[in-house]
Amino acid sequence: MIKLQRMNLVDNFTERLFSGAPSGVIRMQLRELSALKGKQLEALDRIRSFPLKGRLRAEVLDAFGGDAAIIDRLEGRHFLVKAIAEARRANRREMAVDLALSCFYYTDMKAVSVTELRRNFSRIIKEVANGQVFKITRRGKVVVLLIPYCKEFGISPDTKAVHNE
């Protein structure tokens, strides 16, 4: 019963502030929020818009032990989702794709080496399919981001665009 209530709170929060987001962003959001408990979920349930200000921001920060990282990620994703919707309305598909991909920078990325990726490929692919993002490193430097496929992003193996930092 408690797990169902937690999922309802998470679903309501995600629908309220991230409706219309690409499914990859929604999966990422649900995965991160599903780990929250009691006081944290209650604090998120009071959020109606971003950016958080004043007393509400202080209450949410208190619920998260003063750690602003989750608030920063939620706000960042929220504003990117709004920008994606605007780009879609303006028929600017490439901009919408770029913005959607940047949502992945607002998540906790796990870092694994190329060697570890080879050894645990099946497990890592399952995690990616469930919304986890991985930084793949070679000799300590990030060489690849491994992100979930999302048809709304318009990215497939035949996509010609290459994104460089």
Protein backbone atom coordinates (compact mmCIF):
# COMPACT_ATOMS: atom_id res chain seq x y z
CA MET A 1 0.00 0.00 0.00
CA ILE A 2 2.77 2.45 0.93
CA LYS A 3 4.67 1.64 -2.30
CA LEU A 4 1.50 2.35 -4.31
CA GLN A 5 1.04 5.70 -2.52
CA ARG A 6 4.68 6.58 -3.21
CA MET A 7 4.28 5.75 -6.91
CA ASN A 8 1.08 7.81 -7.10
CA LEU A 9 2.89 10.82 -5.60
CA VAL A 10 5.77 10.37 -8.05
CA ASP A 11 3.40 9.94 -11.02
CA ASN A 12 1.37 13.01 -10.05
CA PHE A 13 4.49 15.14 -9.60
CA THR A 14 5.93 14.01 -12.94
CA GLU A 15 2.65 14.59 -14.79
CA ARG A 16 2.17 18.01 -13.19
CA LEU A 17 5.62 19.39 -14.00
CA PHE A 18 6.88 17.28 -16.90
CA SER A 19 3.79 16.55 -19.01
CA GLY A 20 4.59 16.34 -22.70
CA ALA A 21 8.20 15.39 -22.05
CA PRO A 22 9.86 12.71 -24.18
CA SER A 23 9.45 9.24 -22.65
CA GLY A 24 13.20 8.98 -21.99
CA VAL A 25 13.04 12.05 -19.78
CA ILE A 26 9.95 10.71 -18.00
CA ARG A 27 11.64 7.33 -17.35
CA MET A 28 14.71 9.13 -15.99
CA GLN A 29 12.52 11.26 -13.74
CA LEU A 30 10.50 8.31 -12.42
CA ARG A 31 13.64 6.26 -11.74
CA GLU A 32 15.21 9.01 -9.69
CA LEU A 33 12.06 9.93 -7.76
CA SER A 34 10.97 6.36 -7.02
CA ALA A 35 13.88 6.06 -4.55
CA LEU A 36 12.62 8.95 -2.42
CA LYS A 37 10.90 8.43 0.90
CA GLY A 38 8.41 10.10 3.28
CA LYS A 39 9.43 13.68 3.99
CA GLN A 40 11.10 14.07 0.59
CA LEU A 41 8.00 12.94 -1.31
CA GLU A 42 5.78 15.18 0.81
CA ALA A 43 8.02 18.15 -0.02
CA LEU A 44 7.89 17.37 -3.76
CA ASP A 45 4.11 17.00 -3.60
CA ARG A 46 3.85 20.70 -2.61
CA ILE A 47 5.80 21.87 -5.69
CA ARG A 48 3.50 23.39 -8.32
CA SER A 49 6.04 25.23 -10.46
CA PHE A 50 9.71 26.05 -10.86
CA PRO A 51 11.91 27.83 -9.96
CA LEU A 52 11.44 27.15 -6.28
CA LYS A 53 11.52 30.27 -4.16
CA GLY A 54 11.44 31.37 -0.56
CA ARG A 55 9.87 29.20 2.09
CA LEU A 56 9.00 26.31 -0.23
CA ARG A 57 12.59 26.08 -1.46
CA ALA A 58 13.81 26.09 2.15
CA GLU A 59 11.33 23.30 3.07
CA VAL A 60 12.38 21.17 0.09
CA LEU A 61 16.07 21.74 0.88
CA ASP A 62 15.41 20.75 4.49
CA ALA A 63 13.68 17.54 3.34
CA PHE A 64 16.78 16.68 1.32
CA GLY A 65 19.23 17.49 4.10
CA GLY A 66 20.33 20.76 2.50
CA ASP A 67 21.44 19.04 -0.73
CA ALA A 68 20.30 21.25 -3.61
CA ALA A 69 21.48 18.82 -6.33
CA ILE A 70 18.10 17.13 -6.82
CA ILE A 71 16.30 20.48 -6.95
CA ASP A 72 18.81 21.73 -9.54
CA ARG A 73 18.27 18.59 -11.66
CA LEU A 74 14.46 18.85 -11.43
CA GLU A 75 14.50 22.55 -12.31
CA GLY A 76 16.92 21.97 -15.16
CA ARG A 77 14.79 19.18 -16.62
CA HIS A 78 11.60 21.19 -16.15
CA PHE A 79 12.91 24.15 -18.12
CA LEU A 80 14.36 21.90 -20.83
CA VAL A 81 10.99 20.15 -21.21
CA LYS A 82 9.33 23.55 -21.68
CA ALA A 83 11.97 24.49 -24.28
CA ILE A 84 11.46 21.17 -26.10
CA ALA A 85 7.72 21.82 -26.29
CA GLU A 86 8.38 25.31 -27.69
CA ALA A 87 10.80 23.96 -30.30
CA ARG A 88 8.26 21.32 -31.34
CA ARG A 89 5.51 23.95 -31.67
CA ALA A 90 7.85 26.05 -33.82
CA ASN A 91 8.62 22.98 -35.99
CA ARG A 92 12.31 23.14 -35.03
CA ARG A 93 12.96 19.40 -34.81
CA GLU A 94 16.78 19.58 -34.60
CA MET A 95 16.57 22.04 -31.71
CA ALA A 96 14.04 19.80 -29.93
CA VAL A 97 16.38 16.81 -30.30
CA ASP A 98 19.39 18.79 -28.99
CA LEU A 99 17.39 20.01 -26.01
CA ALA A 100 16.06 16.53 -25.26
CA LEU A 101 19.57 15.09 -25.33
CA SER A 102 20.77 17.77 -22.94
CA CYS A 103 18.24 16.49 -20.36
CA PHE A 104 20.64 13.62 -19.76
CA TYR A 105 23.15 16.04 -18.28
CA TYR A 106 20.60 16.60 -15.48
CA THR A 107 20.81 13.07 -14.18
CA ASP A 108 23.17 11.04 -12.07
CA MET A 109 25.45 9.37 -14.55
CA LYS A 110 27.32 6.25 -13.60
CA ALA A 111 30.87 6.04 -14.88
CA VAL A 112 32.23 2.74 -16.17
CA SER A 113 35.40 1.92 -18.04
CA VAL A 114 35.38 0.32 -21.47
CA THR A 115 36.69 -2.84 -19.82
CA GLU A 116 33.88 -2.90 -17.26
CA LEU A 117 31.36 -2.26 -20.05
CA ARG A 118 32.65 -5.33 -21.92
CA ARG A 119 32.47 -7.52 -18.80
CA ASN A 120 28.99 -6.39 -17.76
CA PHE A 121 27.44 -5.47 -21.10
CA SER A 122 24.04 -7.19 -20.58
CA ARG A 123 23.51 -5.71 -17.11
CA ILE A 124 24.52 -2.22 -18.24
CA ILE A 125 22.25 -2.37 -21.30
CA LYS A 126 19.32 -3.39 -19.06
CA GLU A 127 20.05 -0.42 -16.79
CA VAL A 128 20.21 1.94 -19.78
CA ALA A 129 16.88 0.58 -21.05
CA ASN A 130 15.43 1.46 -17.63
CA GLY A 131 16.65 5.05 -17.88
CA GLN A 132 20.14 4.99 -16.35
CA VAL A 133 22.78 7.05 -18.16
CA PHE A 134 26.41 5.91 -18.26
CA LYS A 135 29.65 7.77 -18.95
CA ILE A 136 32.01 5.33 -20.64
CA THR A 137 35.63 6.12 -19.86
CA ARG A 138 38.96 5.15 -21.40
CA ARG A 139 42.02 5.83 -19.28
CA GLY A 140 39.91 8.01 -16.98
CA LYS A 141 38.52 10.27 -19.71
CA VAL A 142 34.88 10.21 -20.85
CA VAL A 143 34.67 8.98 -24.43
CA VAL A 144 30.98 8.06 -24.80
CA LEU A 145 27.62 8.74 -23.18
CA LEU A 146 25.34 5.72 -23.19
CA ILE A 147 21.74 6.96 -23.08
CA PRO A 148 18.35 5.26 -23.44
CA TYR A 149 16.76 5.18 -26.89
CA CYS A 150 13.68 7.36 -27.20
CA LYS A 151 11.70 7.55 -30.42
CA GLU A 152 10.62 11.11 -29.58
CA PHE A 153 14.26 12.18 -29.83
CA GLY A 154 14.29 11.12 -33.46
CA ILE A 155 17.61 9.37 -33.00
CA SER A 156 18.24 6.08 -34.69
CA PRO A 157 21.30 4.29 -36.11
CA ASP A 158 20.81 6.02 -39.47
CA THR A 159 20.82 9.53 -37.95
CA LYS A 160 23.55 11.51 -39.70
CA ALA A 161 24.10 14.22 -37.07
CA VAL A 162 27.12 13.92 -34.81
CA HIS A 163 27.25 15.96 -31.61
CA ASN A 164 30.65 17.03 -30.31
CA GLU A 165 31.39 18.88 -27.08
